[in-house]
Amino acid sequence: MAEEKKLFKVTIDNITIDVEPGTSILNAARQIGGDVTPPAMCYYSKLKDSGGKCRTCLVEVAAGSTADPRPMPKLVASCRTNVMDGMVVKNITSDRVTDARNGVVEFLLINHPLDCPICDQAGECHLQDLSYEHGKGASRYEFKRRTFDKHELGPYIQLHMTRCILCYRCVYTADQVSNERRHGILSRGDHAEIATYIEKSLDNDFIGNVIDVCPVGALTDKTFRFKNRVWFTKPVDAHCKCDKCSGEVQLWMRGDEVLRVTARKDEWGEVKDTTKGEPGWICNTCRFERKKISDWVIEGPTQVNRHSVISQGHYVGVKKPHETIAKVMGGRDPKLLMNIKDVSEVNQVELSELKGPATSESFKQLKKGN
């Protein structure tokens, strides 16, 4: 009989859960869900070695473990710190964490252009959500924001380096998902930027996935550029037979028009696994070239979080109430359009027949129908 694997008990914001050894604090919190889960701008569970760069997932460890219950002196990155048996963690219940997270968001917004009204990522931007929850009403930064030279990344991907927060997700994606990587971080410090080497184009079959992993509007889809707002579109799940990827995608439609195609994402904004249990990365052919509804088999509307702006006007599982007017009217169908003049006696006298300025007498005549 196989020996049962020992589980660690970890308490996060007064909620205790059993997790496997080697689980990070962030993933343990995700098993609880809700507000207990710290935000993450750089960590991506499908990408090896990601995390530890944005510092938005900082938490306070009030007790290290049962064997050593001393608290950790500094806040730690929950995506890079594994749980120990008996560990006690504070996230939303810690004033230190809230203050630190507010400071991190302020730093992230220092050089951000704040061009949400024209950004294609608006409505599904993680930085928008983060700044709404932890941002300040005004900036204390009085200096000139940094700018970068424009880089062309090819016919499908648009780079806006001024929006980038250097999360490195796109670099890891190109390294681990596509066959080769032609872009990365150039320069250092405040001059660091995402760019291609010697102005090369990103033309790998799976390079379009860098759009899905980008938490802000730094990498966007050129075929969807300025076409519509995501809250005006209807996301539906669909699939097709593809010899390069799983073909399981999410279509963003307006009427019968397919405006863009993306990979399916989970509640944490990460690419979902396919029905076969494999990572759901999609190829460029599915993403950029199959924009006809006849190319896909529609499975049904995507389940959208009701707190998301995308959920406005998007109802799933809602039943239309049974119409009873015909029964009330004895089986006759209601007249949806009718001329009020034909059934009302209020306007029998035209105002043009009233001479002189409008007086109380003229209104009395109109009321009497004279």
Protein backbone atom coordinates (compact mmCIF):
# COMPACT_ATOMS: atom_id res chain seq x y z
CA MET A 1 0.00 0.00 0.00
CA ALA A 2 1.43 3.36 -1.03
CA GLU A 3 2.35 5.69 1.78
CA GLU A 4 0.16 8.79 2.03
CA LYS A 5 1.89 12.03 1.23
CA LYS A 6 2.22 14.37 4.16
CA LEU A 7 0.44 17.71 3.76
CA PHE A 8 1.43 21.03 5.27
CA LYS A 9 -1.06 23.15 7.19
CA VAL A 10 -0.85 26.83 6.33
CA THR A 11 -3.07 29.64 7.63
CA ILE A 12 -3.65 32.62 5.35
CA ASP A 13 -5.75 35.48 6.72
CA ASN A 14 -7.18 33.20 9.44
CA ILE A 15 -8.17 30.53 6.90
CA THR A 16 -6.38 27.18 7.30
CA ILE A 17 -5.77 24.87 4.34
CA ASP A 18 -3.77 21.70 3.69
CA VAL A 19 -1.34 21.88 0.75
CA GLU A 20 1.40 19.71 -0.65
CA PRO A 21 5.04 20.42 0.26
CA GLY A 22 6.71 22.71 -2.27
CA THR A 23 3.59 24.81 -2.81
CA SER A 24 4.20 28.55 -2.88
CA ILE A 25 2.22 30.88 -0.62
CA LEU A 26 0.59 32.42 -3.70
CA ASN A 27 -0.64 29.08 -5.05
CA ALA A 28 -1.86 28.10 -1.57
CA ALA A 29 -3.84 31.34 -1.44
CA ARG A 30 -5.26 30.62 -4.89
CA GLN A 31 -6.64 27.36 -3.56
CA ILE A 32 -8.60 29.41 -1.03
CA GLY A 33 -9.54 32.03 -3.63
CA GLY A 34 -11.30 35.36 -3.24
CA ASP A 35 -9.66 38.43 -1.72
CA VAL A 36 -7.20 36.22 0.18
CA THR A 37 -5.24 35.71 -3.06
CA PRO A 38 -2.44 38.28 -3.53
CA PRO A 39 -2.26 39.99 -6.93
CA ALA A 40 0.48 38.92 -9.34
CA MET A 41 1.76 40.91 -12.30
CA CYS A 42 4.85 38.88 -13.20
CA TYR A 43 4.20 35.35 -11.88
CA TYR A 44 2.73 32.88 -14.39
CA SER A 45 2.21 29.29 -13.34
CA LYS A 46 2.71 27.97 -16.90
CA LEU A 47 6.13 29.67 -17.24
CA LYS A 48 9.16 28.26 -15.44
CA ASP A 49 11.21 30.70 -13.30
CA SER A 50 8.61 33.48 -13.58
CA GLY A 51 7.81 35.69 -10.60
CA GLY A 52 9.75 37.73 -8.09
CA LYS A 53 10.01 40.90 -10.17
CA CYS A 54 6.92 43.07 -9.66
CA ARG A 55 6.66 42.71 -5.84
CA THR A 56 2.88 43.16 -5.88
CA CYS A 57 2.35 39.78 -4.17
CA LEU A 58 4.20 40.73 -0.97
CA VAL A 59 2.77 39.15 2.18
CA GLU A 60 3.63 39.12 5.87
CA VAL A 61 4.67 35.82 7.46
CA ALA A 62 3.57 36.09 11.10
CA ALA A 63 4.85 32.59 11.99
CA GLY A 64 7.44 30.67 9.96
CA SER A 65 6.39 27.15 10.93
CA THR A 66 5.42 24.95 13.85
CA ALA A 67 9.07 24.08 14.48
CA ASP A 68 10.16 27.74 14.30
CA PRO A 69 7.18 30.05 14.98
CA ARG A 70 9.22 33.24 14.75
CA PRO A 71 7.88 35.80 12.25
CA MET A 72 9.90 36.77 9.20
CA PRO A 73 11.32 40.27 9.71
CA LYS A 74 10.50 41.51 6.20
CA LEU A 75 7.65 41.09 3.78
CA VAL A 76 8.23 38.25 1.33
CA ALA A 77 7.17 37.63 -2.27
CA SER A 78 4.44 35.00 -2.01
CA CYS A 79 5.17 33.67 -5.52
CA ARG A 80 8.76 32.82 -4.55
CA THR A 81 8.26 31.60 -0.95
CA ASN A 82 7.14 28.05 -0.26
CA VAL A 83 4.86 27.18 2.64
CA MET A 84 6.04 25.37 5.77
CA ASP A 85 3.97 23.23 8.11
CA GLY A 86 2.22 25.53 10.57
CA MET A 87 3.04 28.75 8.69
CA VAL A 88 0.80 31.76 9.41
CA VAL A 89 0.49 34.34 6.63
CA LYS A 90 -1.18 37.75 6.59
CA ASN A 91 -2.31 39.34 3.36
CA ILE A 92 -5.37 41.60 3.48
CA THR A 93 -5.31 41.49 7.30
CA SER A 94 -1.91 43.21 7.43
CA ASP A 95 -1.51 46.99 7.36
CA ARG A 96 2.15 46.53 6.40
CA VAL A 97 1.15 44.60 3.30
CA THR A 98 -1.48 47.14 2.28
CA ASP A 99 0.96 50.03 2.67
CA ALA A 100 3.71 48.21 0.76
CA ARG A 101 1.34 47.26 -2.06
CA ASN A 102 0.18 50.85 -2.40
CA GLY A 103 3.81 51.89 -2.75
CA VAL A 104 4.52 49.24 -5.38
CA VAL A 105 1.53 50.36 -7.45
CA GLU A 106 2.70 53.96 -7.21
CA PHE A 107 6.11 52.94 -8.55
CA LEU A 108 4.54 50.94 -11.40
CA LEU A 109 2.48 53.98 -12.43
CA ILE A 110 5.38 56.47 -12.31
CA ASN A 111 6.30 56.03 -15.97
CA HIS A 112 3.04 54.55 -17.20
CA PRO A 113 1.39 56.79 -19.82
CA LEU A 114 -2.14 56.35 -18.33
CA ASP A 115 -3.65 56.18 -21.82
CA CYS A 116 -6.45 53.77 -20.88
CA PRO A 117 -9.04 55.56 -23.08
CA ILE A 118 -7.10 54.59 -26.24
CA CYS A 119 -5.44 51.37 -25.03
CA ASP A 120 -6.72 48.09 -26.48
CA GLN A 121 -6.02 46.36 -23.15
CA ALA A 122 -8.54 48.54 -21.30
CA GLY A 123 -11.19 46.46 -19.58
CA GLU A 124 -8.93 43.42 -19.16
CA CYS A 125 -5.76 45.10 -17.87
CA HIS A 126 -4.34 43.76 -14.60
CA LEU A 127 -2.67 47.09 -13.89
CA GLN A 128 -6.04 48.81 -14.12
CA ASP A 129 -7.50 46.43 -11.54
CA LEU A 130 -4.44 46.81 -9.32
CA SER A 131 -4.46 50.61 -9.45
CA TYR A 132 -8.22 50.67 -8.76
CA GLU A 133 -7.75 48.63 -5.58
CA HIS A 134 -4.41 49.99 -4.34
CA GLY A 135 -3.65 53.14 -6.33
CA LYS A 136 -3.76 56.73 -5.17
CA GLY A 137 -5.96 59.47 -6.54
CA ALA A 138 -3.02 61.60 -7.72
CA SER A 139 0.65 61.10 -8.54
CA ARG A 140 3.50 62.65 -6.54
CA TYR A 141 5.88 62.23 -9.46
CA GLU A 142 6.73 65.61 -10.99
CA PHE A 143 9.48 64.68 -13.43
CA LYS A 144 9.35 63.83 -17.10
CA ARG A 145 8.23 60.30 -17.84
CA ARG A 146 10.61 58.03 -19.71
CA THR A 147 10.03 57.39 -23.42
CA PHE A 148 11.41 54.84 -25.86
CA ASP A 149 12.06 54.62 -29.57
CA LYS A 150 9.45 52.70 -31.53
CA HIS A 151 10.31 49.09 -32.45
CA GLU A 152 8.52 47.10 -35.14
CA LEU A 153 7.94 43.51 -34.06
CA GLY A 154 6.31 42.28 -37.23
CA PRO A 155 2.90 42.38 -38.93
CA TYR A 156 0.86 41.01 -36.02
CA ILE A 157 2.24 42.33 -32.70
CA GLN A 158 2.30 45.99 -31.62
CA LEU A 159 4.80 47.05 -28.95
CA HIS A 160 4.17 50.06 -26.68
CA MET A 161 7.25 50.09 -24.49
CA THR A 162 6.03 53.07 -22.43
CA ARG A 163 3.31 50.82 -20.97
CA CYS A 164 5.68 47.95 -20.12
CA ILE A 165 6.33 47.08 -16.45
CA LEU A 166 9.20 44.66 -17.23
CA CYS A 167 7.47 41.56 -15.92
CA TYR A 168 9.54 39.33 -18.29
CA ARG A 169 6.51 37.15 -19.09
CA CYS A 170 6.86 37.64 -22.85
CA VAL A 171 10.56 36.75 -22.70
CA TYR A 172 9.85 33.50 -20.85
CA THR A 173 7.02 32.70 -23.28
CA ALA A 174 9.27 33.13 -26.31
CA ASP A 175 11.94 31.04 -24.58
CA GLN A 176 9.76 28.17 -23.41
CA VAL A 177 6.78 28.07 -25.80
CA SER A 178 8.16 29.07 -29.20
CA ASN A 179 11.09 27.42 -30.98
CA GLU A 180 13.36 30.42 -30.73
CA ARG A 181 13.53 33.79 -29.02
CA ARG A 182 14.43 36.96 -30.88
CA HIS A 183 13.54 39.55 -28.28
CA GLY A 184 14.49 40.26 -24.70
CA ILE A 185 15.50 42.96 -22.23
CA LEU A 186 17.99 45.46 -23.58
CA SER A 187 19.98 47.95 -21.44
CA ARG A 188 19.78 48.29 -17.66
CA GLY A 189 18.10 50.32 -14.94
CA ASP A 190 15.57 52.89 -16.11
CA HIS A 191 16.84 52.40 -19.69
CA ALA A 192 15.80 48.71 -19.72
CA GLU A 193 13.32 47.90 -22.47
CA ILE A 194 11.73 45.03 -24.36
CA ALA A 195 13.10 44.96 -27.92
CA THR A 196 14.22 42.64 -30.70
CA TYR A 197 17.86 42.10 -31.51
CA ILE A 198 18.96 44.09 -34.58
CA GLU A 199 15.34 45.04 -35.36
CA LYS A 200 14.28 41.47 -36.15
CA SER A 201 10.65 40.51 -36.68
CA LEU A 202 8.75 38.13 -34.39
CA ASP A 203 7.44 35.53 -36.83
CA ASN A 204 7.46 32.29 -34.85
CA ASP A 205 4.34 30.07 -35.08
CA PHE A 206 3.57 30.51 -31.36
CA ILE A 207 4.94 34.01 -30.74
CA GLY A 208 1.42 35.46 -30.61
CA ASN A 209 1.07 34.02 -27.11
CA VAL A 210 3.14 36.93 -25.79
CA ILE A 211 -0.02 39.01 -26.26
CA ASP A 212 -2.00 36.76 -23.92
CA VAL A 213 0.62 36.75 -21.14
CA CYS A 214 1.20 40.52 -21.14
CA PRO A 215 -0.58 41.96 -18.06
CA VAL A 216 -0.74 45.49 -19.52
CA GLY A 217 -1.14 47.00 -22.98
CA ALA A 218 2.53 46.79 -23.95
CA LEU A 219 1.98 43.95 -26.45
CA THR A 220 -1.30 44.06 -28.36
CA ASP A 221 -2.88 42.42 -31.40
CA LYS A 222 -2.51 44.56 -34.55
CA THR A 223 -5.47 42.82 -36.19
CA PHE A 224 -7.70 43.99 -33.31
CA ARG A 225 -6.13 47.43 -32.94
CA PHE A 226 -8.73 50.19 -32.36
CA LYS A 227 -11.54 47.97 -33.68
CA ASN A 228 -13.72 47.73 -30.59
CA ARG A 229 -13.88 47.73 -26.81
CA VAL A 230 -13.86 44.36 -25.08
CA TRP A 231 -16.99 45.19 -23.06
CA PHE A 232 -18.91 45.66 -26.33
CA THR A 233 -17.86 42.23 -27.60
CA LYS A 234 -19.23 38.80 -26.78
CA PRO A 235 -16.63 36.16 -25.78
CA VAL A 236 -17.51 32.61 -26.79
CA ASP A 237 -15.61 29.33 -26.56
CA ALA A 238 -14.85 27.62 -29.85
CA HIS A 239 -12.56 25.01 -31.36
CA CYS A 240 -11.31 23.80 -34.72
CA LYS A 241 -9.08 21.09 -36.14
CA CYS A 242 -5.54 22.47 -36.15
CA ASP A 243 -2.36 20.52 -36.87
CA LYS A 244 -0.20 22.98 -34.89
CA CYS A 245 -2.09 23.51 -31.62
CA SER A 246 -5.13 22.25 -29.75
CA GLY A 247 -7.44 24.64 -31.60
CA GLU A 248 -9.35 25.44 -28.39
CA VAL A 249 -9.76 29.22 -28.34
CA GLN A 250 -11.90 32.11 -27.24
CA LEU A 251 -13.60 34.20 -29.92
CA TRP A 252 -14.42 37.86 -29.28
CA MET A 253 -17.41 38.65 -31.46
CA ARG A 254 -19.59 41.63 -32.31
CA GLY A 255 -22.68 40.29 -33.94
CA ASP A 256 -21.54 37.61 -36.41
CA GLU A 257 -18.10 39.16 -36.88
CA VAL A 258 -15.03 37.64 -35.22
CA LEU A 259 -12.93 40.61 -34.11
CA ARG A 260 -10.10 38.70 -32.44
CA VAL A 261 -9.05 35.26 -31.25
CA THR A 262 -7.26 34.54 -27.97
CA ALA A 263 -6.40 31.55 -25.82
CA ARG A 264 -8.86 30.64 -23.10
CA LYS A 265 -7.98 32.05 -19.68
CA ASP A 266 -8.77 31.09 -16.11
CA GLU A 267 -9.83 33.30 -13.20
CA TRP A 268 -6.20 34.37 -12.64
CA GLY A 269 -5.80 35.61 -16.20
CA GLU A 270 -3.57 32.69 -17.19
CA VAL A 271 -3.96 30.43 -20.22
CA LYS A 272 -6.16 27.45 -19.40
CA ASP A 273 -5.17 23.85 -19.97
CA THR A 274 -6.88 22.08 -22.85
CA THR A 275 -9.44 19.32 -22.45
CA LYS A 276 -6.53 16.88 -22.80
CA GLY A 277 -4.70 18.47 -19.86
CA GLU A 278 -2.02 20.18 -21.94
CA PRO A 279 -1.13 23.92 -21.85
CA GLY A 280 -3.61 25.84 -24.00
CA TRP A 281 -1.15 27.88 -26.08
CA ILE A 282 -2.50 28.57 -29.58
CA CYS A 283 -0.69 29.09 -32.89
CA ASN A 284 -0.55 32.22 -35.02
CA THR A 285 -2.77 30.64 -37.68
CA CYS A 286 -5.66 30.27 -35.25
CA ARG A 287 -5.01 33.64 -33.63
CA PHE A 288 -4.53 35.94 -36.60
CA GLU A 289 -5.80 34.25 -39.77
CA ARG A 290 -9.01 32.42 -38.86
CA LYS A 291 -11.39 35.36 -38.49
CA LYS A 292 -14.49 33.81 -40.06
CA ILE A 293 -17.22 32.24 -37.97
CA SER A 294 -17.31 29.34 -40.45
CA ASP A 295 -13.76 28.43 -39.41
CA TRP A 296 -14.91 27.48 -35.91
CA VAL A 297 -17.26 25.20 -34.02
CA ILE A 298 -18.97 27.37 -31.42
CA GLU A 299 -19.29 25.67 -28.03
CA GLY A 300 -21.15 28.42 -26.17
CA PRO A 301 -20.69 31.70 -24.28
CA THR A 302 -17.65 32.06 -22.04
CA GLN A 303 -18.29 32.19 -18.31
CA VAL A 304 -17.26 35.75 -17.37
CA ASN A 305 -16.63 36.94 -13.82
CA ARG A 306 -19.58 39.11 -12.85
CA HIS A 307 -17.21 41.69 -11.35
CA SER A 308 -15.48 42.18 -14.70
CA VAL A 309 -16.46 45.04 -16.98
CA ILE A 310 -16.65 42.48 -19.79
CA SER A 311 -19.67 40.91 -18.09
CA GLN A 312 -21.86 43.95 -18.78
CA GLY A 313 -24.65 42.96 -21.14
CA HIS A 314 -23.28 39.40 -21.18
CA TYR A 315 -25.70 37.03 -19.52
CA VAL A 316 -25.26 33.27 -19.28
CA GLY A 317 -27.96 30.89 -18.05
CA VAL A 318 -30.63 33.59 -17.87
CA LYS A 319 -34.10 32.43 -18.93
CA LYS A 320 -36.51 34.74 -20.70
CA PRO A 321 -39.68 35.16 -18.63
CA HIS A 322 -42.81 33.55 -19.99
CA GLU A 323 -45.01 36.00 -21.91
CA THR A 324 -48.55 36.21 -20.48
CA ILE A 325 -50.03 39.23 -22.30
CA ALA A 326 -51.62 37.11 -25.03
CA LYS A 327 -53.45 35.03 -22.40
CA VAL A 328 -54.62 38.16 -20.60
CA MET A 329 -56.01 39.54 -23.88
CA GLY A 330 -57.99 36.37 -24.59
CA GLY A 331 -55.51 34.87 -27.02
CA ARG A 332 -55.10 38.01 -29.12
CA ASP A 333 -51.54 39.14 -29.85
CA PRO A 334 -50.70 42.55 -28.40
CA LYS A 335 -50.35 45.51 -30.75
CA LEU A 336 -46.80 46.63 -30.19
CA LEU A 337 -47.19 49.73 -32.36
CA MET A 338 -50.31 51.87 -32.19
CA ASN A 339 -51.24 55.45 -33.04
CA ILE A 340 -52.20 57.25 -29.85
CA LYS A 341 -54.30 59.75 -31.84
CA ASP A 342 -56.60 56.95 -32.89
CA VAL A 343 -57.43 55.94 -29.32
CA SER A 344 -57.07 59.21 -27.43
CA GLU A 345 -59.37 62.26 -27.40
CA VAL A 346 -56.82 64.61 -25.86
CA ASN A 347 -55.50 65.98 -29.16
CA GLN A 348 -58.80 66.43 -31.00
CA VAL A 349 -58.33 70.22 -31.06
CA GLU A 350 -55.26 71.42 -32.88
CA LEU A 351 -53.32 74.17 -31.16
CA SER A 352 -53.29 76.06 -34.43
CA GLU A 353 -57.02 76.77 -33.96
CA LEU A 354 -56.33 78.63 -30.73
CA LYS A 355 -55.91 82.32 -31.43
CA GLY A 356 -53.67 84.61 -29.40
CA PRO A 357 -51.12 83.71 -26.76
CA ALA A 358 -51.56 80.67 -24.57
CA THR A 359 -53.74 81.67 -21.63
CA SER A 360 -55.66 79.89 -18.93
CA GLU A 361 -58.82 80.31 -21.06
CA SER A 362 -57.19 78.66 -24.07
CA PHE A 363 -56.19 75.67 -21.97
CA LYS A 364 -59.74 75.44 -20.64
CA GLN A 365 -61.05 75.36 -24.22
CA LEU A 366 -58.53 72.67 -25.11
CA LYS A 367 -59.61 70.63 -22.09
CA LYS A 368 -63.33 70.97 -23.01
CA GLY A 369 -62.57 70.04 -26.62
CA ASN A 370 -64.19 73.22 -28.04
